[in-house]
Amino acid sequence: MKILVVEDDGAKLRNIVAALVTIEGVTLVDISHVGDAVGAKRFLRENNVDLIVLDLHLPDRIDLPPQPAGGLDFIRSVTSRPNFFVPPHVIAMTGNADAFALPGEDVGELWGIIRYDATDGKWREQLTNRVRYAFAAWRSMLGRPRETRPCDVAIVTALSDELDGLLRQPLGWTKHHFEGDATIYHEGSIESERGTFRVVAATAGRMGMAATAALSSKIIDLYRPTWIAMAGITGGIRGRVALGDILVADPSWDWGSGKYEVVDGQPRFAANPEQLRLSPDIRPLLVSASTNKVMLSAVRSSFEGTSPGHPLRCHVEAVASGASVLGDEAVVESIKAQNRKLHGVEMEIYGLMMAAETCARPRPIAFSAKAVSDFADTTKDDDHRAYAIHVSANFVTEFVRNYLTLPARTS
């Protein structure tokens, strides 16, 4: 079991490590240490751990003083962004009275807080008991046989009506449940001249990068797809796209990634986005599909309701993800500054791409094909939501059928 201790006090760190190594099965090799929130975030971008022992009275950087809310802010940050490995267990400790009192109703997400007092050994017993529990749970998961159902293509959506759009595609859908997992998985197949693609679809049921990253990671682990896609709706940039147009994100990024700083006495946001590109193994295929007028016309005409009065177009262009729905043109203009070819703004795609980027090998090839249901400004309406959901789902299906090639199968 891999343990990360996030602690800036050297004496307290030595006491914690000394307590941990008394637990059977835990050795110094299993324990890593960082002393501030920035270092811990850097560590969790690159490493998966099973347990964090977290000091709540934590500095943001090692050269800054610790803050009572430092540890709580850190754990909220890593659990709300898709680009961190999130451990299943967190044990919070502090000897600072302000930090101990601060979490309030949030204490549940930290599995309770241990009050640290170097003169009293009670903390040591509480810590070792909780670590033993986490170790037993980890050992139990290792020994438990896990059901997997390999497929070729996984498709995720953020919301249930976006999933409904997929399920209206005639792919022979059946439902599947995994023990201990509340997500409903829908399994189907896409017939093509090159064979039958096994497909699975599921919805996160809520908007946001974190929810999409969590679902994508789970579906990758359970189904080991060759490709993973996201369908649904997006906001578009007026003047660059039309309502109903399909956007294939390349690149995608979190437009809220960065930090707030004070310059000349004024707060300023310094963006620092990590832009993820489409795999070169799929980008040429998506570009080709984006110019396939016959296929796009068929996708448009397959919608039985009222369609926009213009042909369906597909753009392989920049789409940014963020933590909120946008209706402020000034914010959109600031996002344009992060990529001058910005065509859309939505809330999930970067979570999908990051999940595929950071999962264990073999990694699936990720892509998205969302359709514009409104513009990222104050003039929002749902008049074309149903059309956008339909053409997104239908485009993904037809792209798989007409452009992808089945990998060699061993079973």
Protein backbone atom coordinates (compact mmCIF):
# COMPACT_ATOMS: atom_id res chain seq x y z
CA MET A 1 0.00 0.00 0.00
CA LYS A 2 1.39 3.41 -1.03
CA ILE A 3 1.12 6.17 1.59
CA LEU A 4 1.74 9.90 1.13
CA VAL A 5 2.36 12.01 4.24
CA VAL A 6 1.71 15.73 3.65
CA GLU A 7 3.39 17.45 6.60
CA ASP A 8 5.59 20.54 6.99
CA ASP A 9 6.72 20.01 10.61
CA GLY A 10 9.86 17.85 10.77
CA ALA A 11 9.36 16.58 14.33
CA LYS A 12 5.72 15.70 13.70
CA LEU A 13 6.68 13.98 10.45
CA ARG A 14 9.20 11.76 12.24
CA ASN A 15 6.59 10.79 14.82
CA ILE A 16 4.01 9.94 12.14
CA VAL A 17 6.44 7.82 10.12
CA ALA A 18 7.59 6.04 13.28
CA ALA A 19 3.96 5.16 14.04
CA LEU A 20 3.25 4.00 10.49
CA VAL A 21 6.15 1.55 10.30
CA THR A 22 4.91 -0.22 13.45
CA ILE A 23 1.96 -1.46 11.37
CA GLU A 24 2.50 -4.92 9.93
CA GLY A 25 2.91 -4.70 6.16
CA VAL A 26 3.94 -1.00 6.09
CA THR A 27 7.61 -0.20 5.45
CA LEU A 28 9.59 2.97 4.78
CA VAL A 29 9.62 2.07 1.09
CA ASP A 30 5.82 2.46 1.04
CA ILE A 31 5.88 6.00 2.49
CA SER A 32 6.45 9.22 0.53
CA HIS A 33 6.53 12.74 1.95
CA VAL A 34 5.91 16.30 0.78
CA GLY A 35 5.79 19.43 2.89
CA ASP A 36 3.31 21.74 1.16
CA ALA A 37 0.16 21.80 -0.96
CA VAL A 38 1.98 22.64 -4.20
CA GLY A 39 4.34 19.68 -3.74
CA ALA A 40 1.45 17.36 -2.89
CA LYS A 41 -0.46 18.38 -6.02
CA ARG A 42 2.64 17.83 -8.14
CA PHE A 43 3.07 14.39 -6.57
CA LEU A 44 -0.58 13.40 -7.23
CA ARG A 45 -0.35 14.45 -10.86
CA GLU A 46 2.28 11.80 -11.40
CA ASN A 47 1.69 9.13 -8.74
CA ASN A 48 -1.20 7.03 -7.51
CA VAL A 49 -1.40 6.50 -3.75
CA ASP A 50 -3.77 4.48 -1.58
CA LEU A 51 -3.74 6.69 1.51
CA ILE A 52 -2.87 10.28 2.43
CA VAL A 53 -2.00 11.33 5.96
CA LEU A 54 -2.75 15.04 5.73
CA ASP A 55 -1.77 17.93 7.97
CA LEU A 56 -4.68 20.39 7.97
CA HIS A 57 -2.48 23.29 9.14
CA LEU A 58 -0.62 23.33 5.85
CA PRO A 59 1.33 25.93 3.83
CA ASP A 60 0.56 26.40 0.17
CA ARG A 61 4.31 26.55 -0.51
CA ILE A 62 7.15 25.51 1.76
CA ASP A 63 8.40 29.11 1.97
CA LEU A 64 5.02 30.40 3.21
CA PRO A 65 3.48 30.11 6.68
CA PRO A 66 0.93 27.32 7.23
CA GLN A 67 -2.76 28.23 7.07
CA PRO A 68 -5.63 26.68 9.08
CA ALA A 69 -7.54 26.01 5.85
CA GLY A 70 -4.47 24.83 3.90
CA GLY A 71 -5.11 21.09 4.12
CA LEU A 72 -8.84 21.38 3.49
CA ASP A 73 -8.27 23.63 0.47
CA PHE A 74 -5.74 21.14 -0.87
CA ILE A 75 -8.06 18.12 -0.65
CA ARG A 76 -10.94 20.06 -2.19
CA SER A 77 -8.67 21.07 -5.05
CA VAL A 78 -7.49 17.57 -5.92
CA THR A 79 -11.00 16.10 -5.71
CA SER A 80 -12.54 18.78 -7.93
CA ARG A 81 -10.03 18.61 -10.79
CA PRO A 82 -9.58 15.71 -13.20
CA ASN A 83 -5.78 15.85 -13.46
CA PHE A 84 -4.96 14.33 -10.07
CA PHE A 85 -4.86 10.76 -8.82
CA VAL A 86 -7.35 10.78 -5.93
CA PRO A 87 -6.64 8.31 -3.08
CA PRO A 88 -9.52 6.27 -1.62
CA HIS A 89 -8.50 7.12 1.97
CA VAL A 90 -7.53 10.42 3.62
CA ILE A 91 -6.60 10.72 7.29
CA ALA A 92 -6.43 14.32 8.54
CA MET A 93 -4.33 15.34 11.54
CA THR A 94 -3.61 18.67 13.20
CA GLY A 95 -2.37 20.13 16.43
CA ASN A 96 -3.66 23.57 15.52
CA ALA A 97 -6.94 24.50 17.23
CA ASP A 98 -8.12 26.77 14.40
CA ALA A 99 -7.48 24.10 11.77
CA PHE A 100 -9.20 21.46 13.92
CA ALA A 101 -12.38 23.54 14.19
CA LEU A 102 -12.49 24.83 10.61
CA PRO A 103 -13.81 21.84 8.57
CA GLY A 104 -17.19 21.74 10.35
CA GLU A 105 -19.65 19.86 8.13
CA ASP A 106 -16.86 18.91 5.71
CA VAL A 107 -15.30 16.56 8.25
CA GLY A 108 -16.92 13.55 6.61
CA GLU A 109 -14.93 13.93 3.42
CA LEU A 110 -11.74 13.65 5.52
CA TRP A 111 -12.87 10.53 7.42
CA GLY A 112 -12.70 12.40 10.71
CA ILE A 113 -9.82 14.45 12.13
CA ILE A 114 -7.18 13.29 14.59
CA ARG A 115 -6.04 15.89 17.12
CA TYR A 116 -2.25 15.69 17.29
CA ASP A 117 -0.51 16.26 20.62
CA ALA A 118 3.14 15.21 20.92
CA THR A 119 2.74 14.87 24.71
CA ASP A 120 -0.21 12.45 24.42
CA GLY A 121 -0.01 9.10 22.64
CA LYS A 122 -3.73 8.94 21.86
CA TRP A 123 -3.20 10.26 18.32
CA ARG A 124 -0.83 7.38 17.59
CA GLU A 125 -3.47 4.77 18.44
CA GLN A 126 -6.11 6.56 16.36
CA LEU A 127 -3.76 6.84 13.39
CA THR A 128 -2.60 3.23 13.42
CA ASN A 129 -6.17 1.94 13.79
CA ARG A 130 -7.32 3.88 10.76
CA VAL A 131 -4.30 2.91 8.68
CA ARG A 132 -4.84 -0.75 9.58
CA TYR A 133 -8.42 -0.43 8.34
CA ALA A 134 -7.28 1.16 5.08
CA PHE A 135 -4.60 -1.50 4.68
CA ALA A 136 -7.16 -4.28 5.21
CA ALA A 137 -9.49 -2.71 2.63
CA TRP A 138 -6.61 -2.39 0.15
CA ARG A 139 -5.58 -6.01 0.69
CA SER A 140 -9.19 -7.15 0.29
CA MET A 141 -9.53 -5.35 -3.04
CA LEU A 142 -6.33 -6.95 -4.32
CA GLY A 143 -7.62 -10.41 -3.57
CA ARG A 144 -11.13 -9.90 -4.92
CA PRO A 145 -11.77 -11.21 -8.44
CA ARG A 146 -13.05 -8.36 -10.60
CA GLU A 147 -15.46 -8.69 -13.47
CA THR A 148 -14.36 -7.05 -16.70
CA ARG A 149 -16.23 -6.90 -20.00
CA PRO A 150 -13.84 -5.82 -22.79
CA CYS A 151 -15.36 -3.66 -25.52
CA ASP A 152 -14.19 -1.64 -28.52
CA VAL A 153 -15.84 1.73 -27.99
CA ALA A 154 -17.00 3.44 -24.79
CA ILE A 155 -19.22 6.53 -25.01
CA VAL A 156 -19.85 8.78 -22.03
CA THR A 157 -22.22 11.68 -21.52
CA ALA A 158 -22.60 14.24 -18.76
CA LEU A 159 -26.39 14.26 -18.56
CA SER A 160 -29.18 11.71 -18.85
CA ASP A 161 -30.91 13.29 -21.86
CA GLU A 162 -27.60 13.13 -23.73
CA LEU A 163 -27.43 9.41 -22.91
CA ASP A 164 -31.05 9.04 -24.07
CA GLY A 165 -29.95 10.43 -27.43
CA LEU A 166 -27.40 7.63 -27.70
CA LEU A 167 -29.88 4.97 -26.59
CA ARG A 168 -32.25 6.02 -29.38
CA GLN A 169 -29.59 4.81 -31.83
CA PRO A 170 -30.69 1.26 -32.85
CA LEU A 171 -27.70 -0.64 -31.46
CA GLY A 172 -29.50 -3.44 -29.62
CA TRP A 173 -28.88 -1.94 -26.18
CA THR A 174 -28.98 -4.05 -23.02
CA LYS A 175 -28.30 -2.95 -19.43
CA HIS A 176 -25.50 -4.24 -17.23
CA HIS A 177 -24.72 -3.71 -13.54
CA PHE A 178 -21.49 -4.41 -11.69
CA GLU A 179 -21.63 -5.46 -8.07
CA GLY A 180 -21.09 -2.49 -5.77
CA ASP A 181 -21.38 0.04 -8.62
CA ALA A 182 -24.50 2.21 -8.93
CA THR A 183 -23.76 3.20 -12.55
CA ILE A 184 -25.96 1.59 -15.20
CA TYR A 185 -23.97 0.54 -18.27
CA HIS A 186 -25.69 0.12 -21.63
CA GLU A 187 -24.08 -2.40 -23.98
CA GLY A 188 -24.73 -2.56 -27.69
CA SER A 189 -23.05 -3.13 -31.04
CA ILE A 190 -22.34 -1.20 -34.22
CA GLU A 191 -22.27 -3.22 -37.43
CA SER A 192 -19.86 -2.12 -40.13
CA GLU A 193 -18.24 -3.56 -43.24
CA ARG A 194 -15.15 -4.24 -41.11
CA GLY A 195 -16.98 -6.21 -38.43
CA THR A 196 -19.00 -5.66 -35.27
CA PHE A 197 -17.92 -3.05 -32.73
CA ARG A 198 -18.82 -3.79 -29.12
CA VAL A 199 -20.07 -0.55 -27.54
CA VAL A 200 -20.82 0.56 -23.98
CA ALA A 201 -22.46 3.84 -22.96
CA ALA A 202 -23.04 5.47 -19.57
CA THR A 203 -23.77 8.89 -18.11
CA ALA A 204 -22.21 10.72 -15.21
CA GLY A 205 -25.62 12.23 -14.45
CA ARG A 206 -24.10 15.61 -13.64
CA MET A 207 -22.06 18.29 -15.33
CA GLY A 208 -18.40 18.96 -14.69
CA MET A 209 -14.89 17.69 -15.43
CA ALA A 210 -14.55 15.80 -12.14
CA ALA A 211 -17.73 13.74 -12.70
CA THR A 212 -16.74 12.96 -16.29
CA ALA A 213 -13.18 12.04 -15.31
CA ALA A 214 -14.49 9.73 -12.57
CA LEU A 215 -16.93 7.95 -14.90
CA SER A 216 -14.37 7.75 -17.71
CA SER A 217 -11.73 6.25 -15.40
CA LYS A 218 -14.23 3.69 -14.14
CA ILE A 219 -15.44 2.68 -17.59
CA ILE A 220 -11.83 2.39 -18.84
CA ASP A 221 -11.01 0.10 -15.92
CA LEU A 222 -14.10 -2.09 -16.36
CA TYR A 223 -14.29 -2.29 -20.16
CA ARG A 224 -10.73 -1.57 -21.42
CA PRO A 225 -12.03 0.10 -24.62
CA THR A 226 -9.82 0.80 -27.60
CA TRP A 227 -11.57 4.16 -28.06
CA ILE A 228 -13.48 6.34 -25.62
CA ALA A 229 -15.71 9.17 -26.82
CA MET A 230 -17.93 11.86 -25.36
CA ALA A 231 -21.24 12.88 -26.91
CA GLY A 232 -23.67 15.62 -25.91
CA ILE A 233 -24.03 19.37 -26.18
CA THR A 234 -21.69 22.33 -25.96
CA GLY A 235 -21.74 26.10 -26.08
CA GLY A 236 -20.36 27.60 -29.26
CA ILE A 237 -18.58 30.83 -30.11
CA ARG A 238 -20.93 33.08 -32.07
CA GLY A 239 -19.60 33.90 -35.53
CA ARG A 240 -17.42 30.79 -35.66
CA VAL A 241 -20.08 28.09 -35.41
CA ALA A 242 -23.80 27.76 -36.06
CA LEU A 243 -26.42 26.17 -33.84
CA GLY A 244 -26.33 22.41 -34.26
CA ASP A 245 -22.77 22.29 -35.59
CA ILE A 246 -20.61 19.44 -34.28
CA LEU A 247 -17.40 20.33 -32.44
CA VAL A 248 -14.57 17.82 -32.17
CA ALA A 249 -12.27 19.25 -29.51
CA ASP A 250 -8.62 19.65 -30.51
CA PRO A 251 -7.11 20.82 -28.32
CA SER A 252 -9.06 20.71 -25.06
CA TRP A 253 -8.02 22.29 -21.76
CA ASP A 254 -9.28 23.60 -18.42
CA TRP A 255 -9.72 27.34 -18.94
CA GLY A 256 -9.77 27.87 -15.14
CA SER A 257 -6.33 26.35 -14.63
CA GLY A 258 -3.89 28.91 -13.21
CA LYS A 259 -3.66 31.13 -10.17
CA TYR A 260 -4.88 34.46 -8.90
CA GLU A 261 -2.16 36.97 -8.09
CA VAL A 262 -1.99 40.62 -7.09
CA VAL A 263 -0.29 42.99 -9.55
CA ASP A 264 -0.02 46.69 -8.68
CA GLY A 265 -2.54 46.16 -5.92
CA GLN A 266 -5.12 44.60 -8.27
CA PRO A 267 -6.15 40.93 -8.41
CA ARG A 268 -5.35 39.22 -11.70
CA PHE A 269 -5.88 35.69 -12.97
CA ALA A 270 -2.77 34.18 -14.57
CA ALA A 271 -3.96 31.31 -16.79
CA ASN A 272 -1.74 28.26 -17.07
CA PRO A 273 -3.68 25.75 -19.17
CA GLU A 274 -2.34 22.33 -20.16
CA GLN A 275 -3.81 21.72 -23.60
CA LEU A 276 -4.39 18.12 -24.64
CA ARG A 277 -4.39 17.22 -28.33
CA LEU A 278 -6.13 14.46 -30.20
CA SER A 279 -4.07 11.36 -30.86
CA PRO A 280 -2.47 11.40 -34.34
CA ASP A 281 -3.97 7.93 -34.72
CA ILE A 282 -7.50 9.37 -34.84
CA ARG A 283 -7.23 13.03 -35.79
CA PRO A 284 -6.92 12.46 -39.56
CA LEU A 285 -10.00 10.23 -39.45
CA LEU A 286 -12.01 12.88 -37.62
CA VAL A 287 -10.85 15.58 -40.03
CA SER A 288 -11.95 13.39 -42.92
CA ALA A 289 -15.33 12.77 -41.30
CA SER A 290 -15.75 16.51 -40.68
CA THR A 291 -15.70 17.12 -44.44
CA ASN A 292 -17.88 14.13 -45.40
CA LYS A 293 -20.92 16.03 -46.68
CA VAL A 294 -22.83 12.86 -47.50
CA MET A 295 -22.48 11.53 -43.95
CA LEU A 296 -23.23 14.91 -42.36
CA SER A 297 -26.33 15.34 -44.52
CA ALA A 298 -27.54 11.88 -43.51
CA VAL A 299 -26.94 12.67 -39.83
CA ARG A 300 -28.94 15.89 -40.17
CA SER A 301 -31.84 14.33 -42.04
CA SER A 302 -32.12 11.48 -39.51
CA PHE A 303 -33.54 13.94 -36.95
CA GLU A 304 -37.34 13.77 -37.01
CA GLY A 305 -38.00 17.17 -35.40
CA THR A 306 -37.36 20.72 -36.56
CA SER A 307 -33.78 21.28 -37.71
CA PRO A 308 -31.91 24.57 -38.06
CA GLY A 309 -32.25 26.05 -41.53
CA HIS A 310 -28.68 25.38 -42.61
CA PRO A 311 -26.51 22.36 -43.44
CA LEU A 312 -24.80 20.46 -40.63
CA ARG A 313 -21.11 21.28 -40.30
CA CYS A 314 -18.37 19.69 -38.22
CA HIS A 315 -15.33 21.54 -36.87
CA VAL A 316 -12.15 19.96 -35.51
CA GLU A 317 -11.11 22.94 -33.42
CA ALA A 318 -10.26 24.21 -29.94
CA VAL A 319 -12.84 23.67 -27.19
CA ALA A 320 -12.23 24.76 -23.59
CA SER A 321 -13.69 23.12 -20.49
CA GLY A 322 -14.52 24.95 -17.27
CA ALA A 323 -16.24 24.55 -13.94
CA SER A 324 -19.23 26.78 -14.73
CA VAL A 325 -21.77 27.62 -17.42
CA LEU A 326 -20.78 30.86 -19.13
CA GLY A 327 -23.02 33.80 -19.95
CA ASP A 328 -20.43 36.56 -19.64
CA GLU A 329 -18.86 37.74 -22.89
CA ALA A 330 -15.90 39.23 -21.00
CA VAL A 331 -14.99 35.83 -19.57
CA VAL A 332 -15.33 34.25 -23.01
CA GLU A 333 -12.99 36.88 -24.43
CA SER A 334 -10.41 36.00 -21.77
CA ILE A 335 -10.68 32.32 -22.77
CA LYS A 336 -10.16 33.25 -26.42
CA ALA A 337 -6.84 34.72 -25.33
CA GLN A 338 -5.77 31.22 -24.26
CA ASN A 339 -6.32 29.90 -27.81
CA ARG A 340 -7.13 32.20 -30.72
CA LYS A 341 -8.99 29.37 -32.53
CA LEU A 342 -11.49 28.80 -29.72
CA HIS A 343 -14.76 27.43 -31.15
CA GLY A 344 -16.60 26.19 -28.06
CA VAL A 345 -16.81 26.27 -24.28
CA GLU A 346 -18.31 23.48 -22.18
CA MET A 347 -17.75 21.68 -18.86
CA GLU A 348 -16.52 18.10 -19.39
CA ILE A 349 -14.30 17.19 -22.34
CA TYR A 350 -10.98 17.91 -20.61
CA GLY A 351 -12.00 15.45 -17.86
CA LEU A 352 -12.47 12.71 -20.49
CA MET A 353 -9.16 13.48 -22.17
CA MET A 354 -7.26 13.60 -18.87
CA ALA A 355 -8.73 10.27 -17.74
CA ALA A 356 -7.54 8.62 -20.96
CA GLU A 357 -4.16 10.36 -20.71
CA THR A 358 -3.41 9.23 -17.14
CA CYS A 359 -4.95 5.75 -16.90
CA ALA A 360 -2.93 2.55 -16.81
CA ARG A 361 -1.83 1.05 -20.11
CA PRO A 362 -3.19 0.06 -22.54
CA ARG A 363 -4.69 3.53 -22.82
CA PRO A 364 -7.74 4.17 -25.01
CA ILE A 365 -7.77 6.79 -27.76
CA ALA A 366 -10.10 9.59 -26.65
CA PHE A 367 -12.16 12.01 -28.69
CA SER A 368 -15.34 14.06 -28.35
CA ALA A 369 -18.10 15.10 -30.73
CA LYS A 370 -20.49 17.52 -29.07
CA ALA A 371 -23.04 19.65 -30.91
CA VAL A 372 -23.71 23.35 -30.33
CA SER A 373 -27.02 23.87 -28.50
CA ASP A 374 -26.45 27.55 -27.64
CA PHE A 375 -23.83 30.25 -27.73
CA ALA A 376 -21.45 31.05 -24.87
CA ASP A 377 -23.07 34.41 -24.18
CA THR A 378 -26.21 35.86 -22.63
CA THR A 379 -28.56 34.69 -25.42
CA LYS A 380 -29.12 31.14 -24.23
CA ASP A 381 -32.15 29.01 -25.08
CA ASP A 382 -32.98 25.32 -25.52
CA ASP A 383 -34.70 25.54 -28.92
CA HIS A 384 -32.14 23.28 -30.60
CA ARG A 385 -31.10 21.14 -27.64
CA ALA A 386 -32.89 18.00 -28.91
CA TYR A 387 -31.41 18.44 -32.39
CA ALA A 388 -27.89 18.93 -30.98
CA ILE A 389 -28.18 15.84 -28.78
CA HIS A 390 -29.35 13.77 -31.75
CA VAL A 391 -26.70 14.84 -34.26
CA SER A 392 -23.92 14.38 -31.69
CA ALA A 393 -25.02 10.81 -30.89
CA ASN A 394 -25.62 9.96 -34.55
CA PHE A 395 -22.27 11.41 -35.65
CA VAL A 396 -20.34 9.33 -33.08
CA THR A 397 -22.17 6.19 -34.22
CA GLU A 398 -21.58 6.85 -37.92
CA PHE A 399 -17.95 7.80 -37.34
CA VAL A 400 -17.33 4.45 -35.64
CA ARG A 401 -19.17 2.60 -38.40
CA ASN A 402 -17.44 4.32 -41.31
CA TYR A 403 -13.96 5.25 -40.11
CA LEU A 404 -12.65 3.01 -37.34
CA THR A 405 -10.97 -0.34 -37.85
CA LEU A 406 -11.38 -3.15 -35.35
CA PRO A 407 -8.20 -4.23 -33.55
CA ALA A 408 -7.11 -7.85 -33.66
CA ARG A 409 -8.85 -9.82 -30.91
CA THR A 410 -7.40 -12.63 -28.90
CA SER A 411 -10.78 -13.92 -27.74
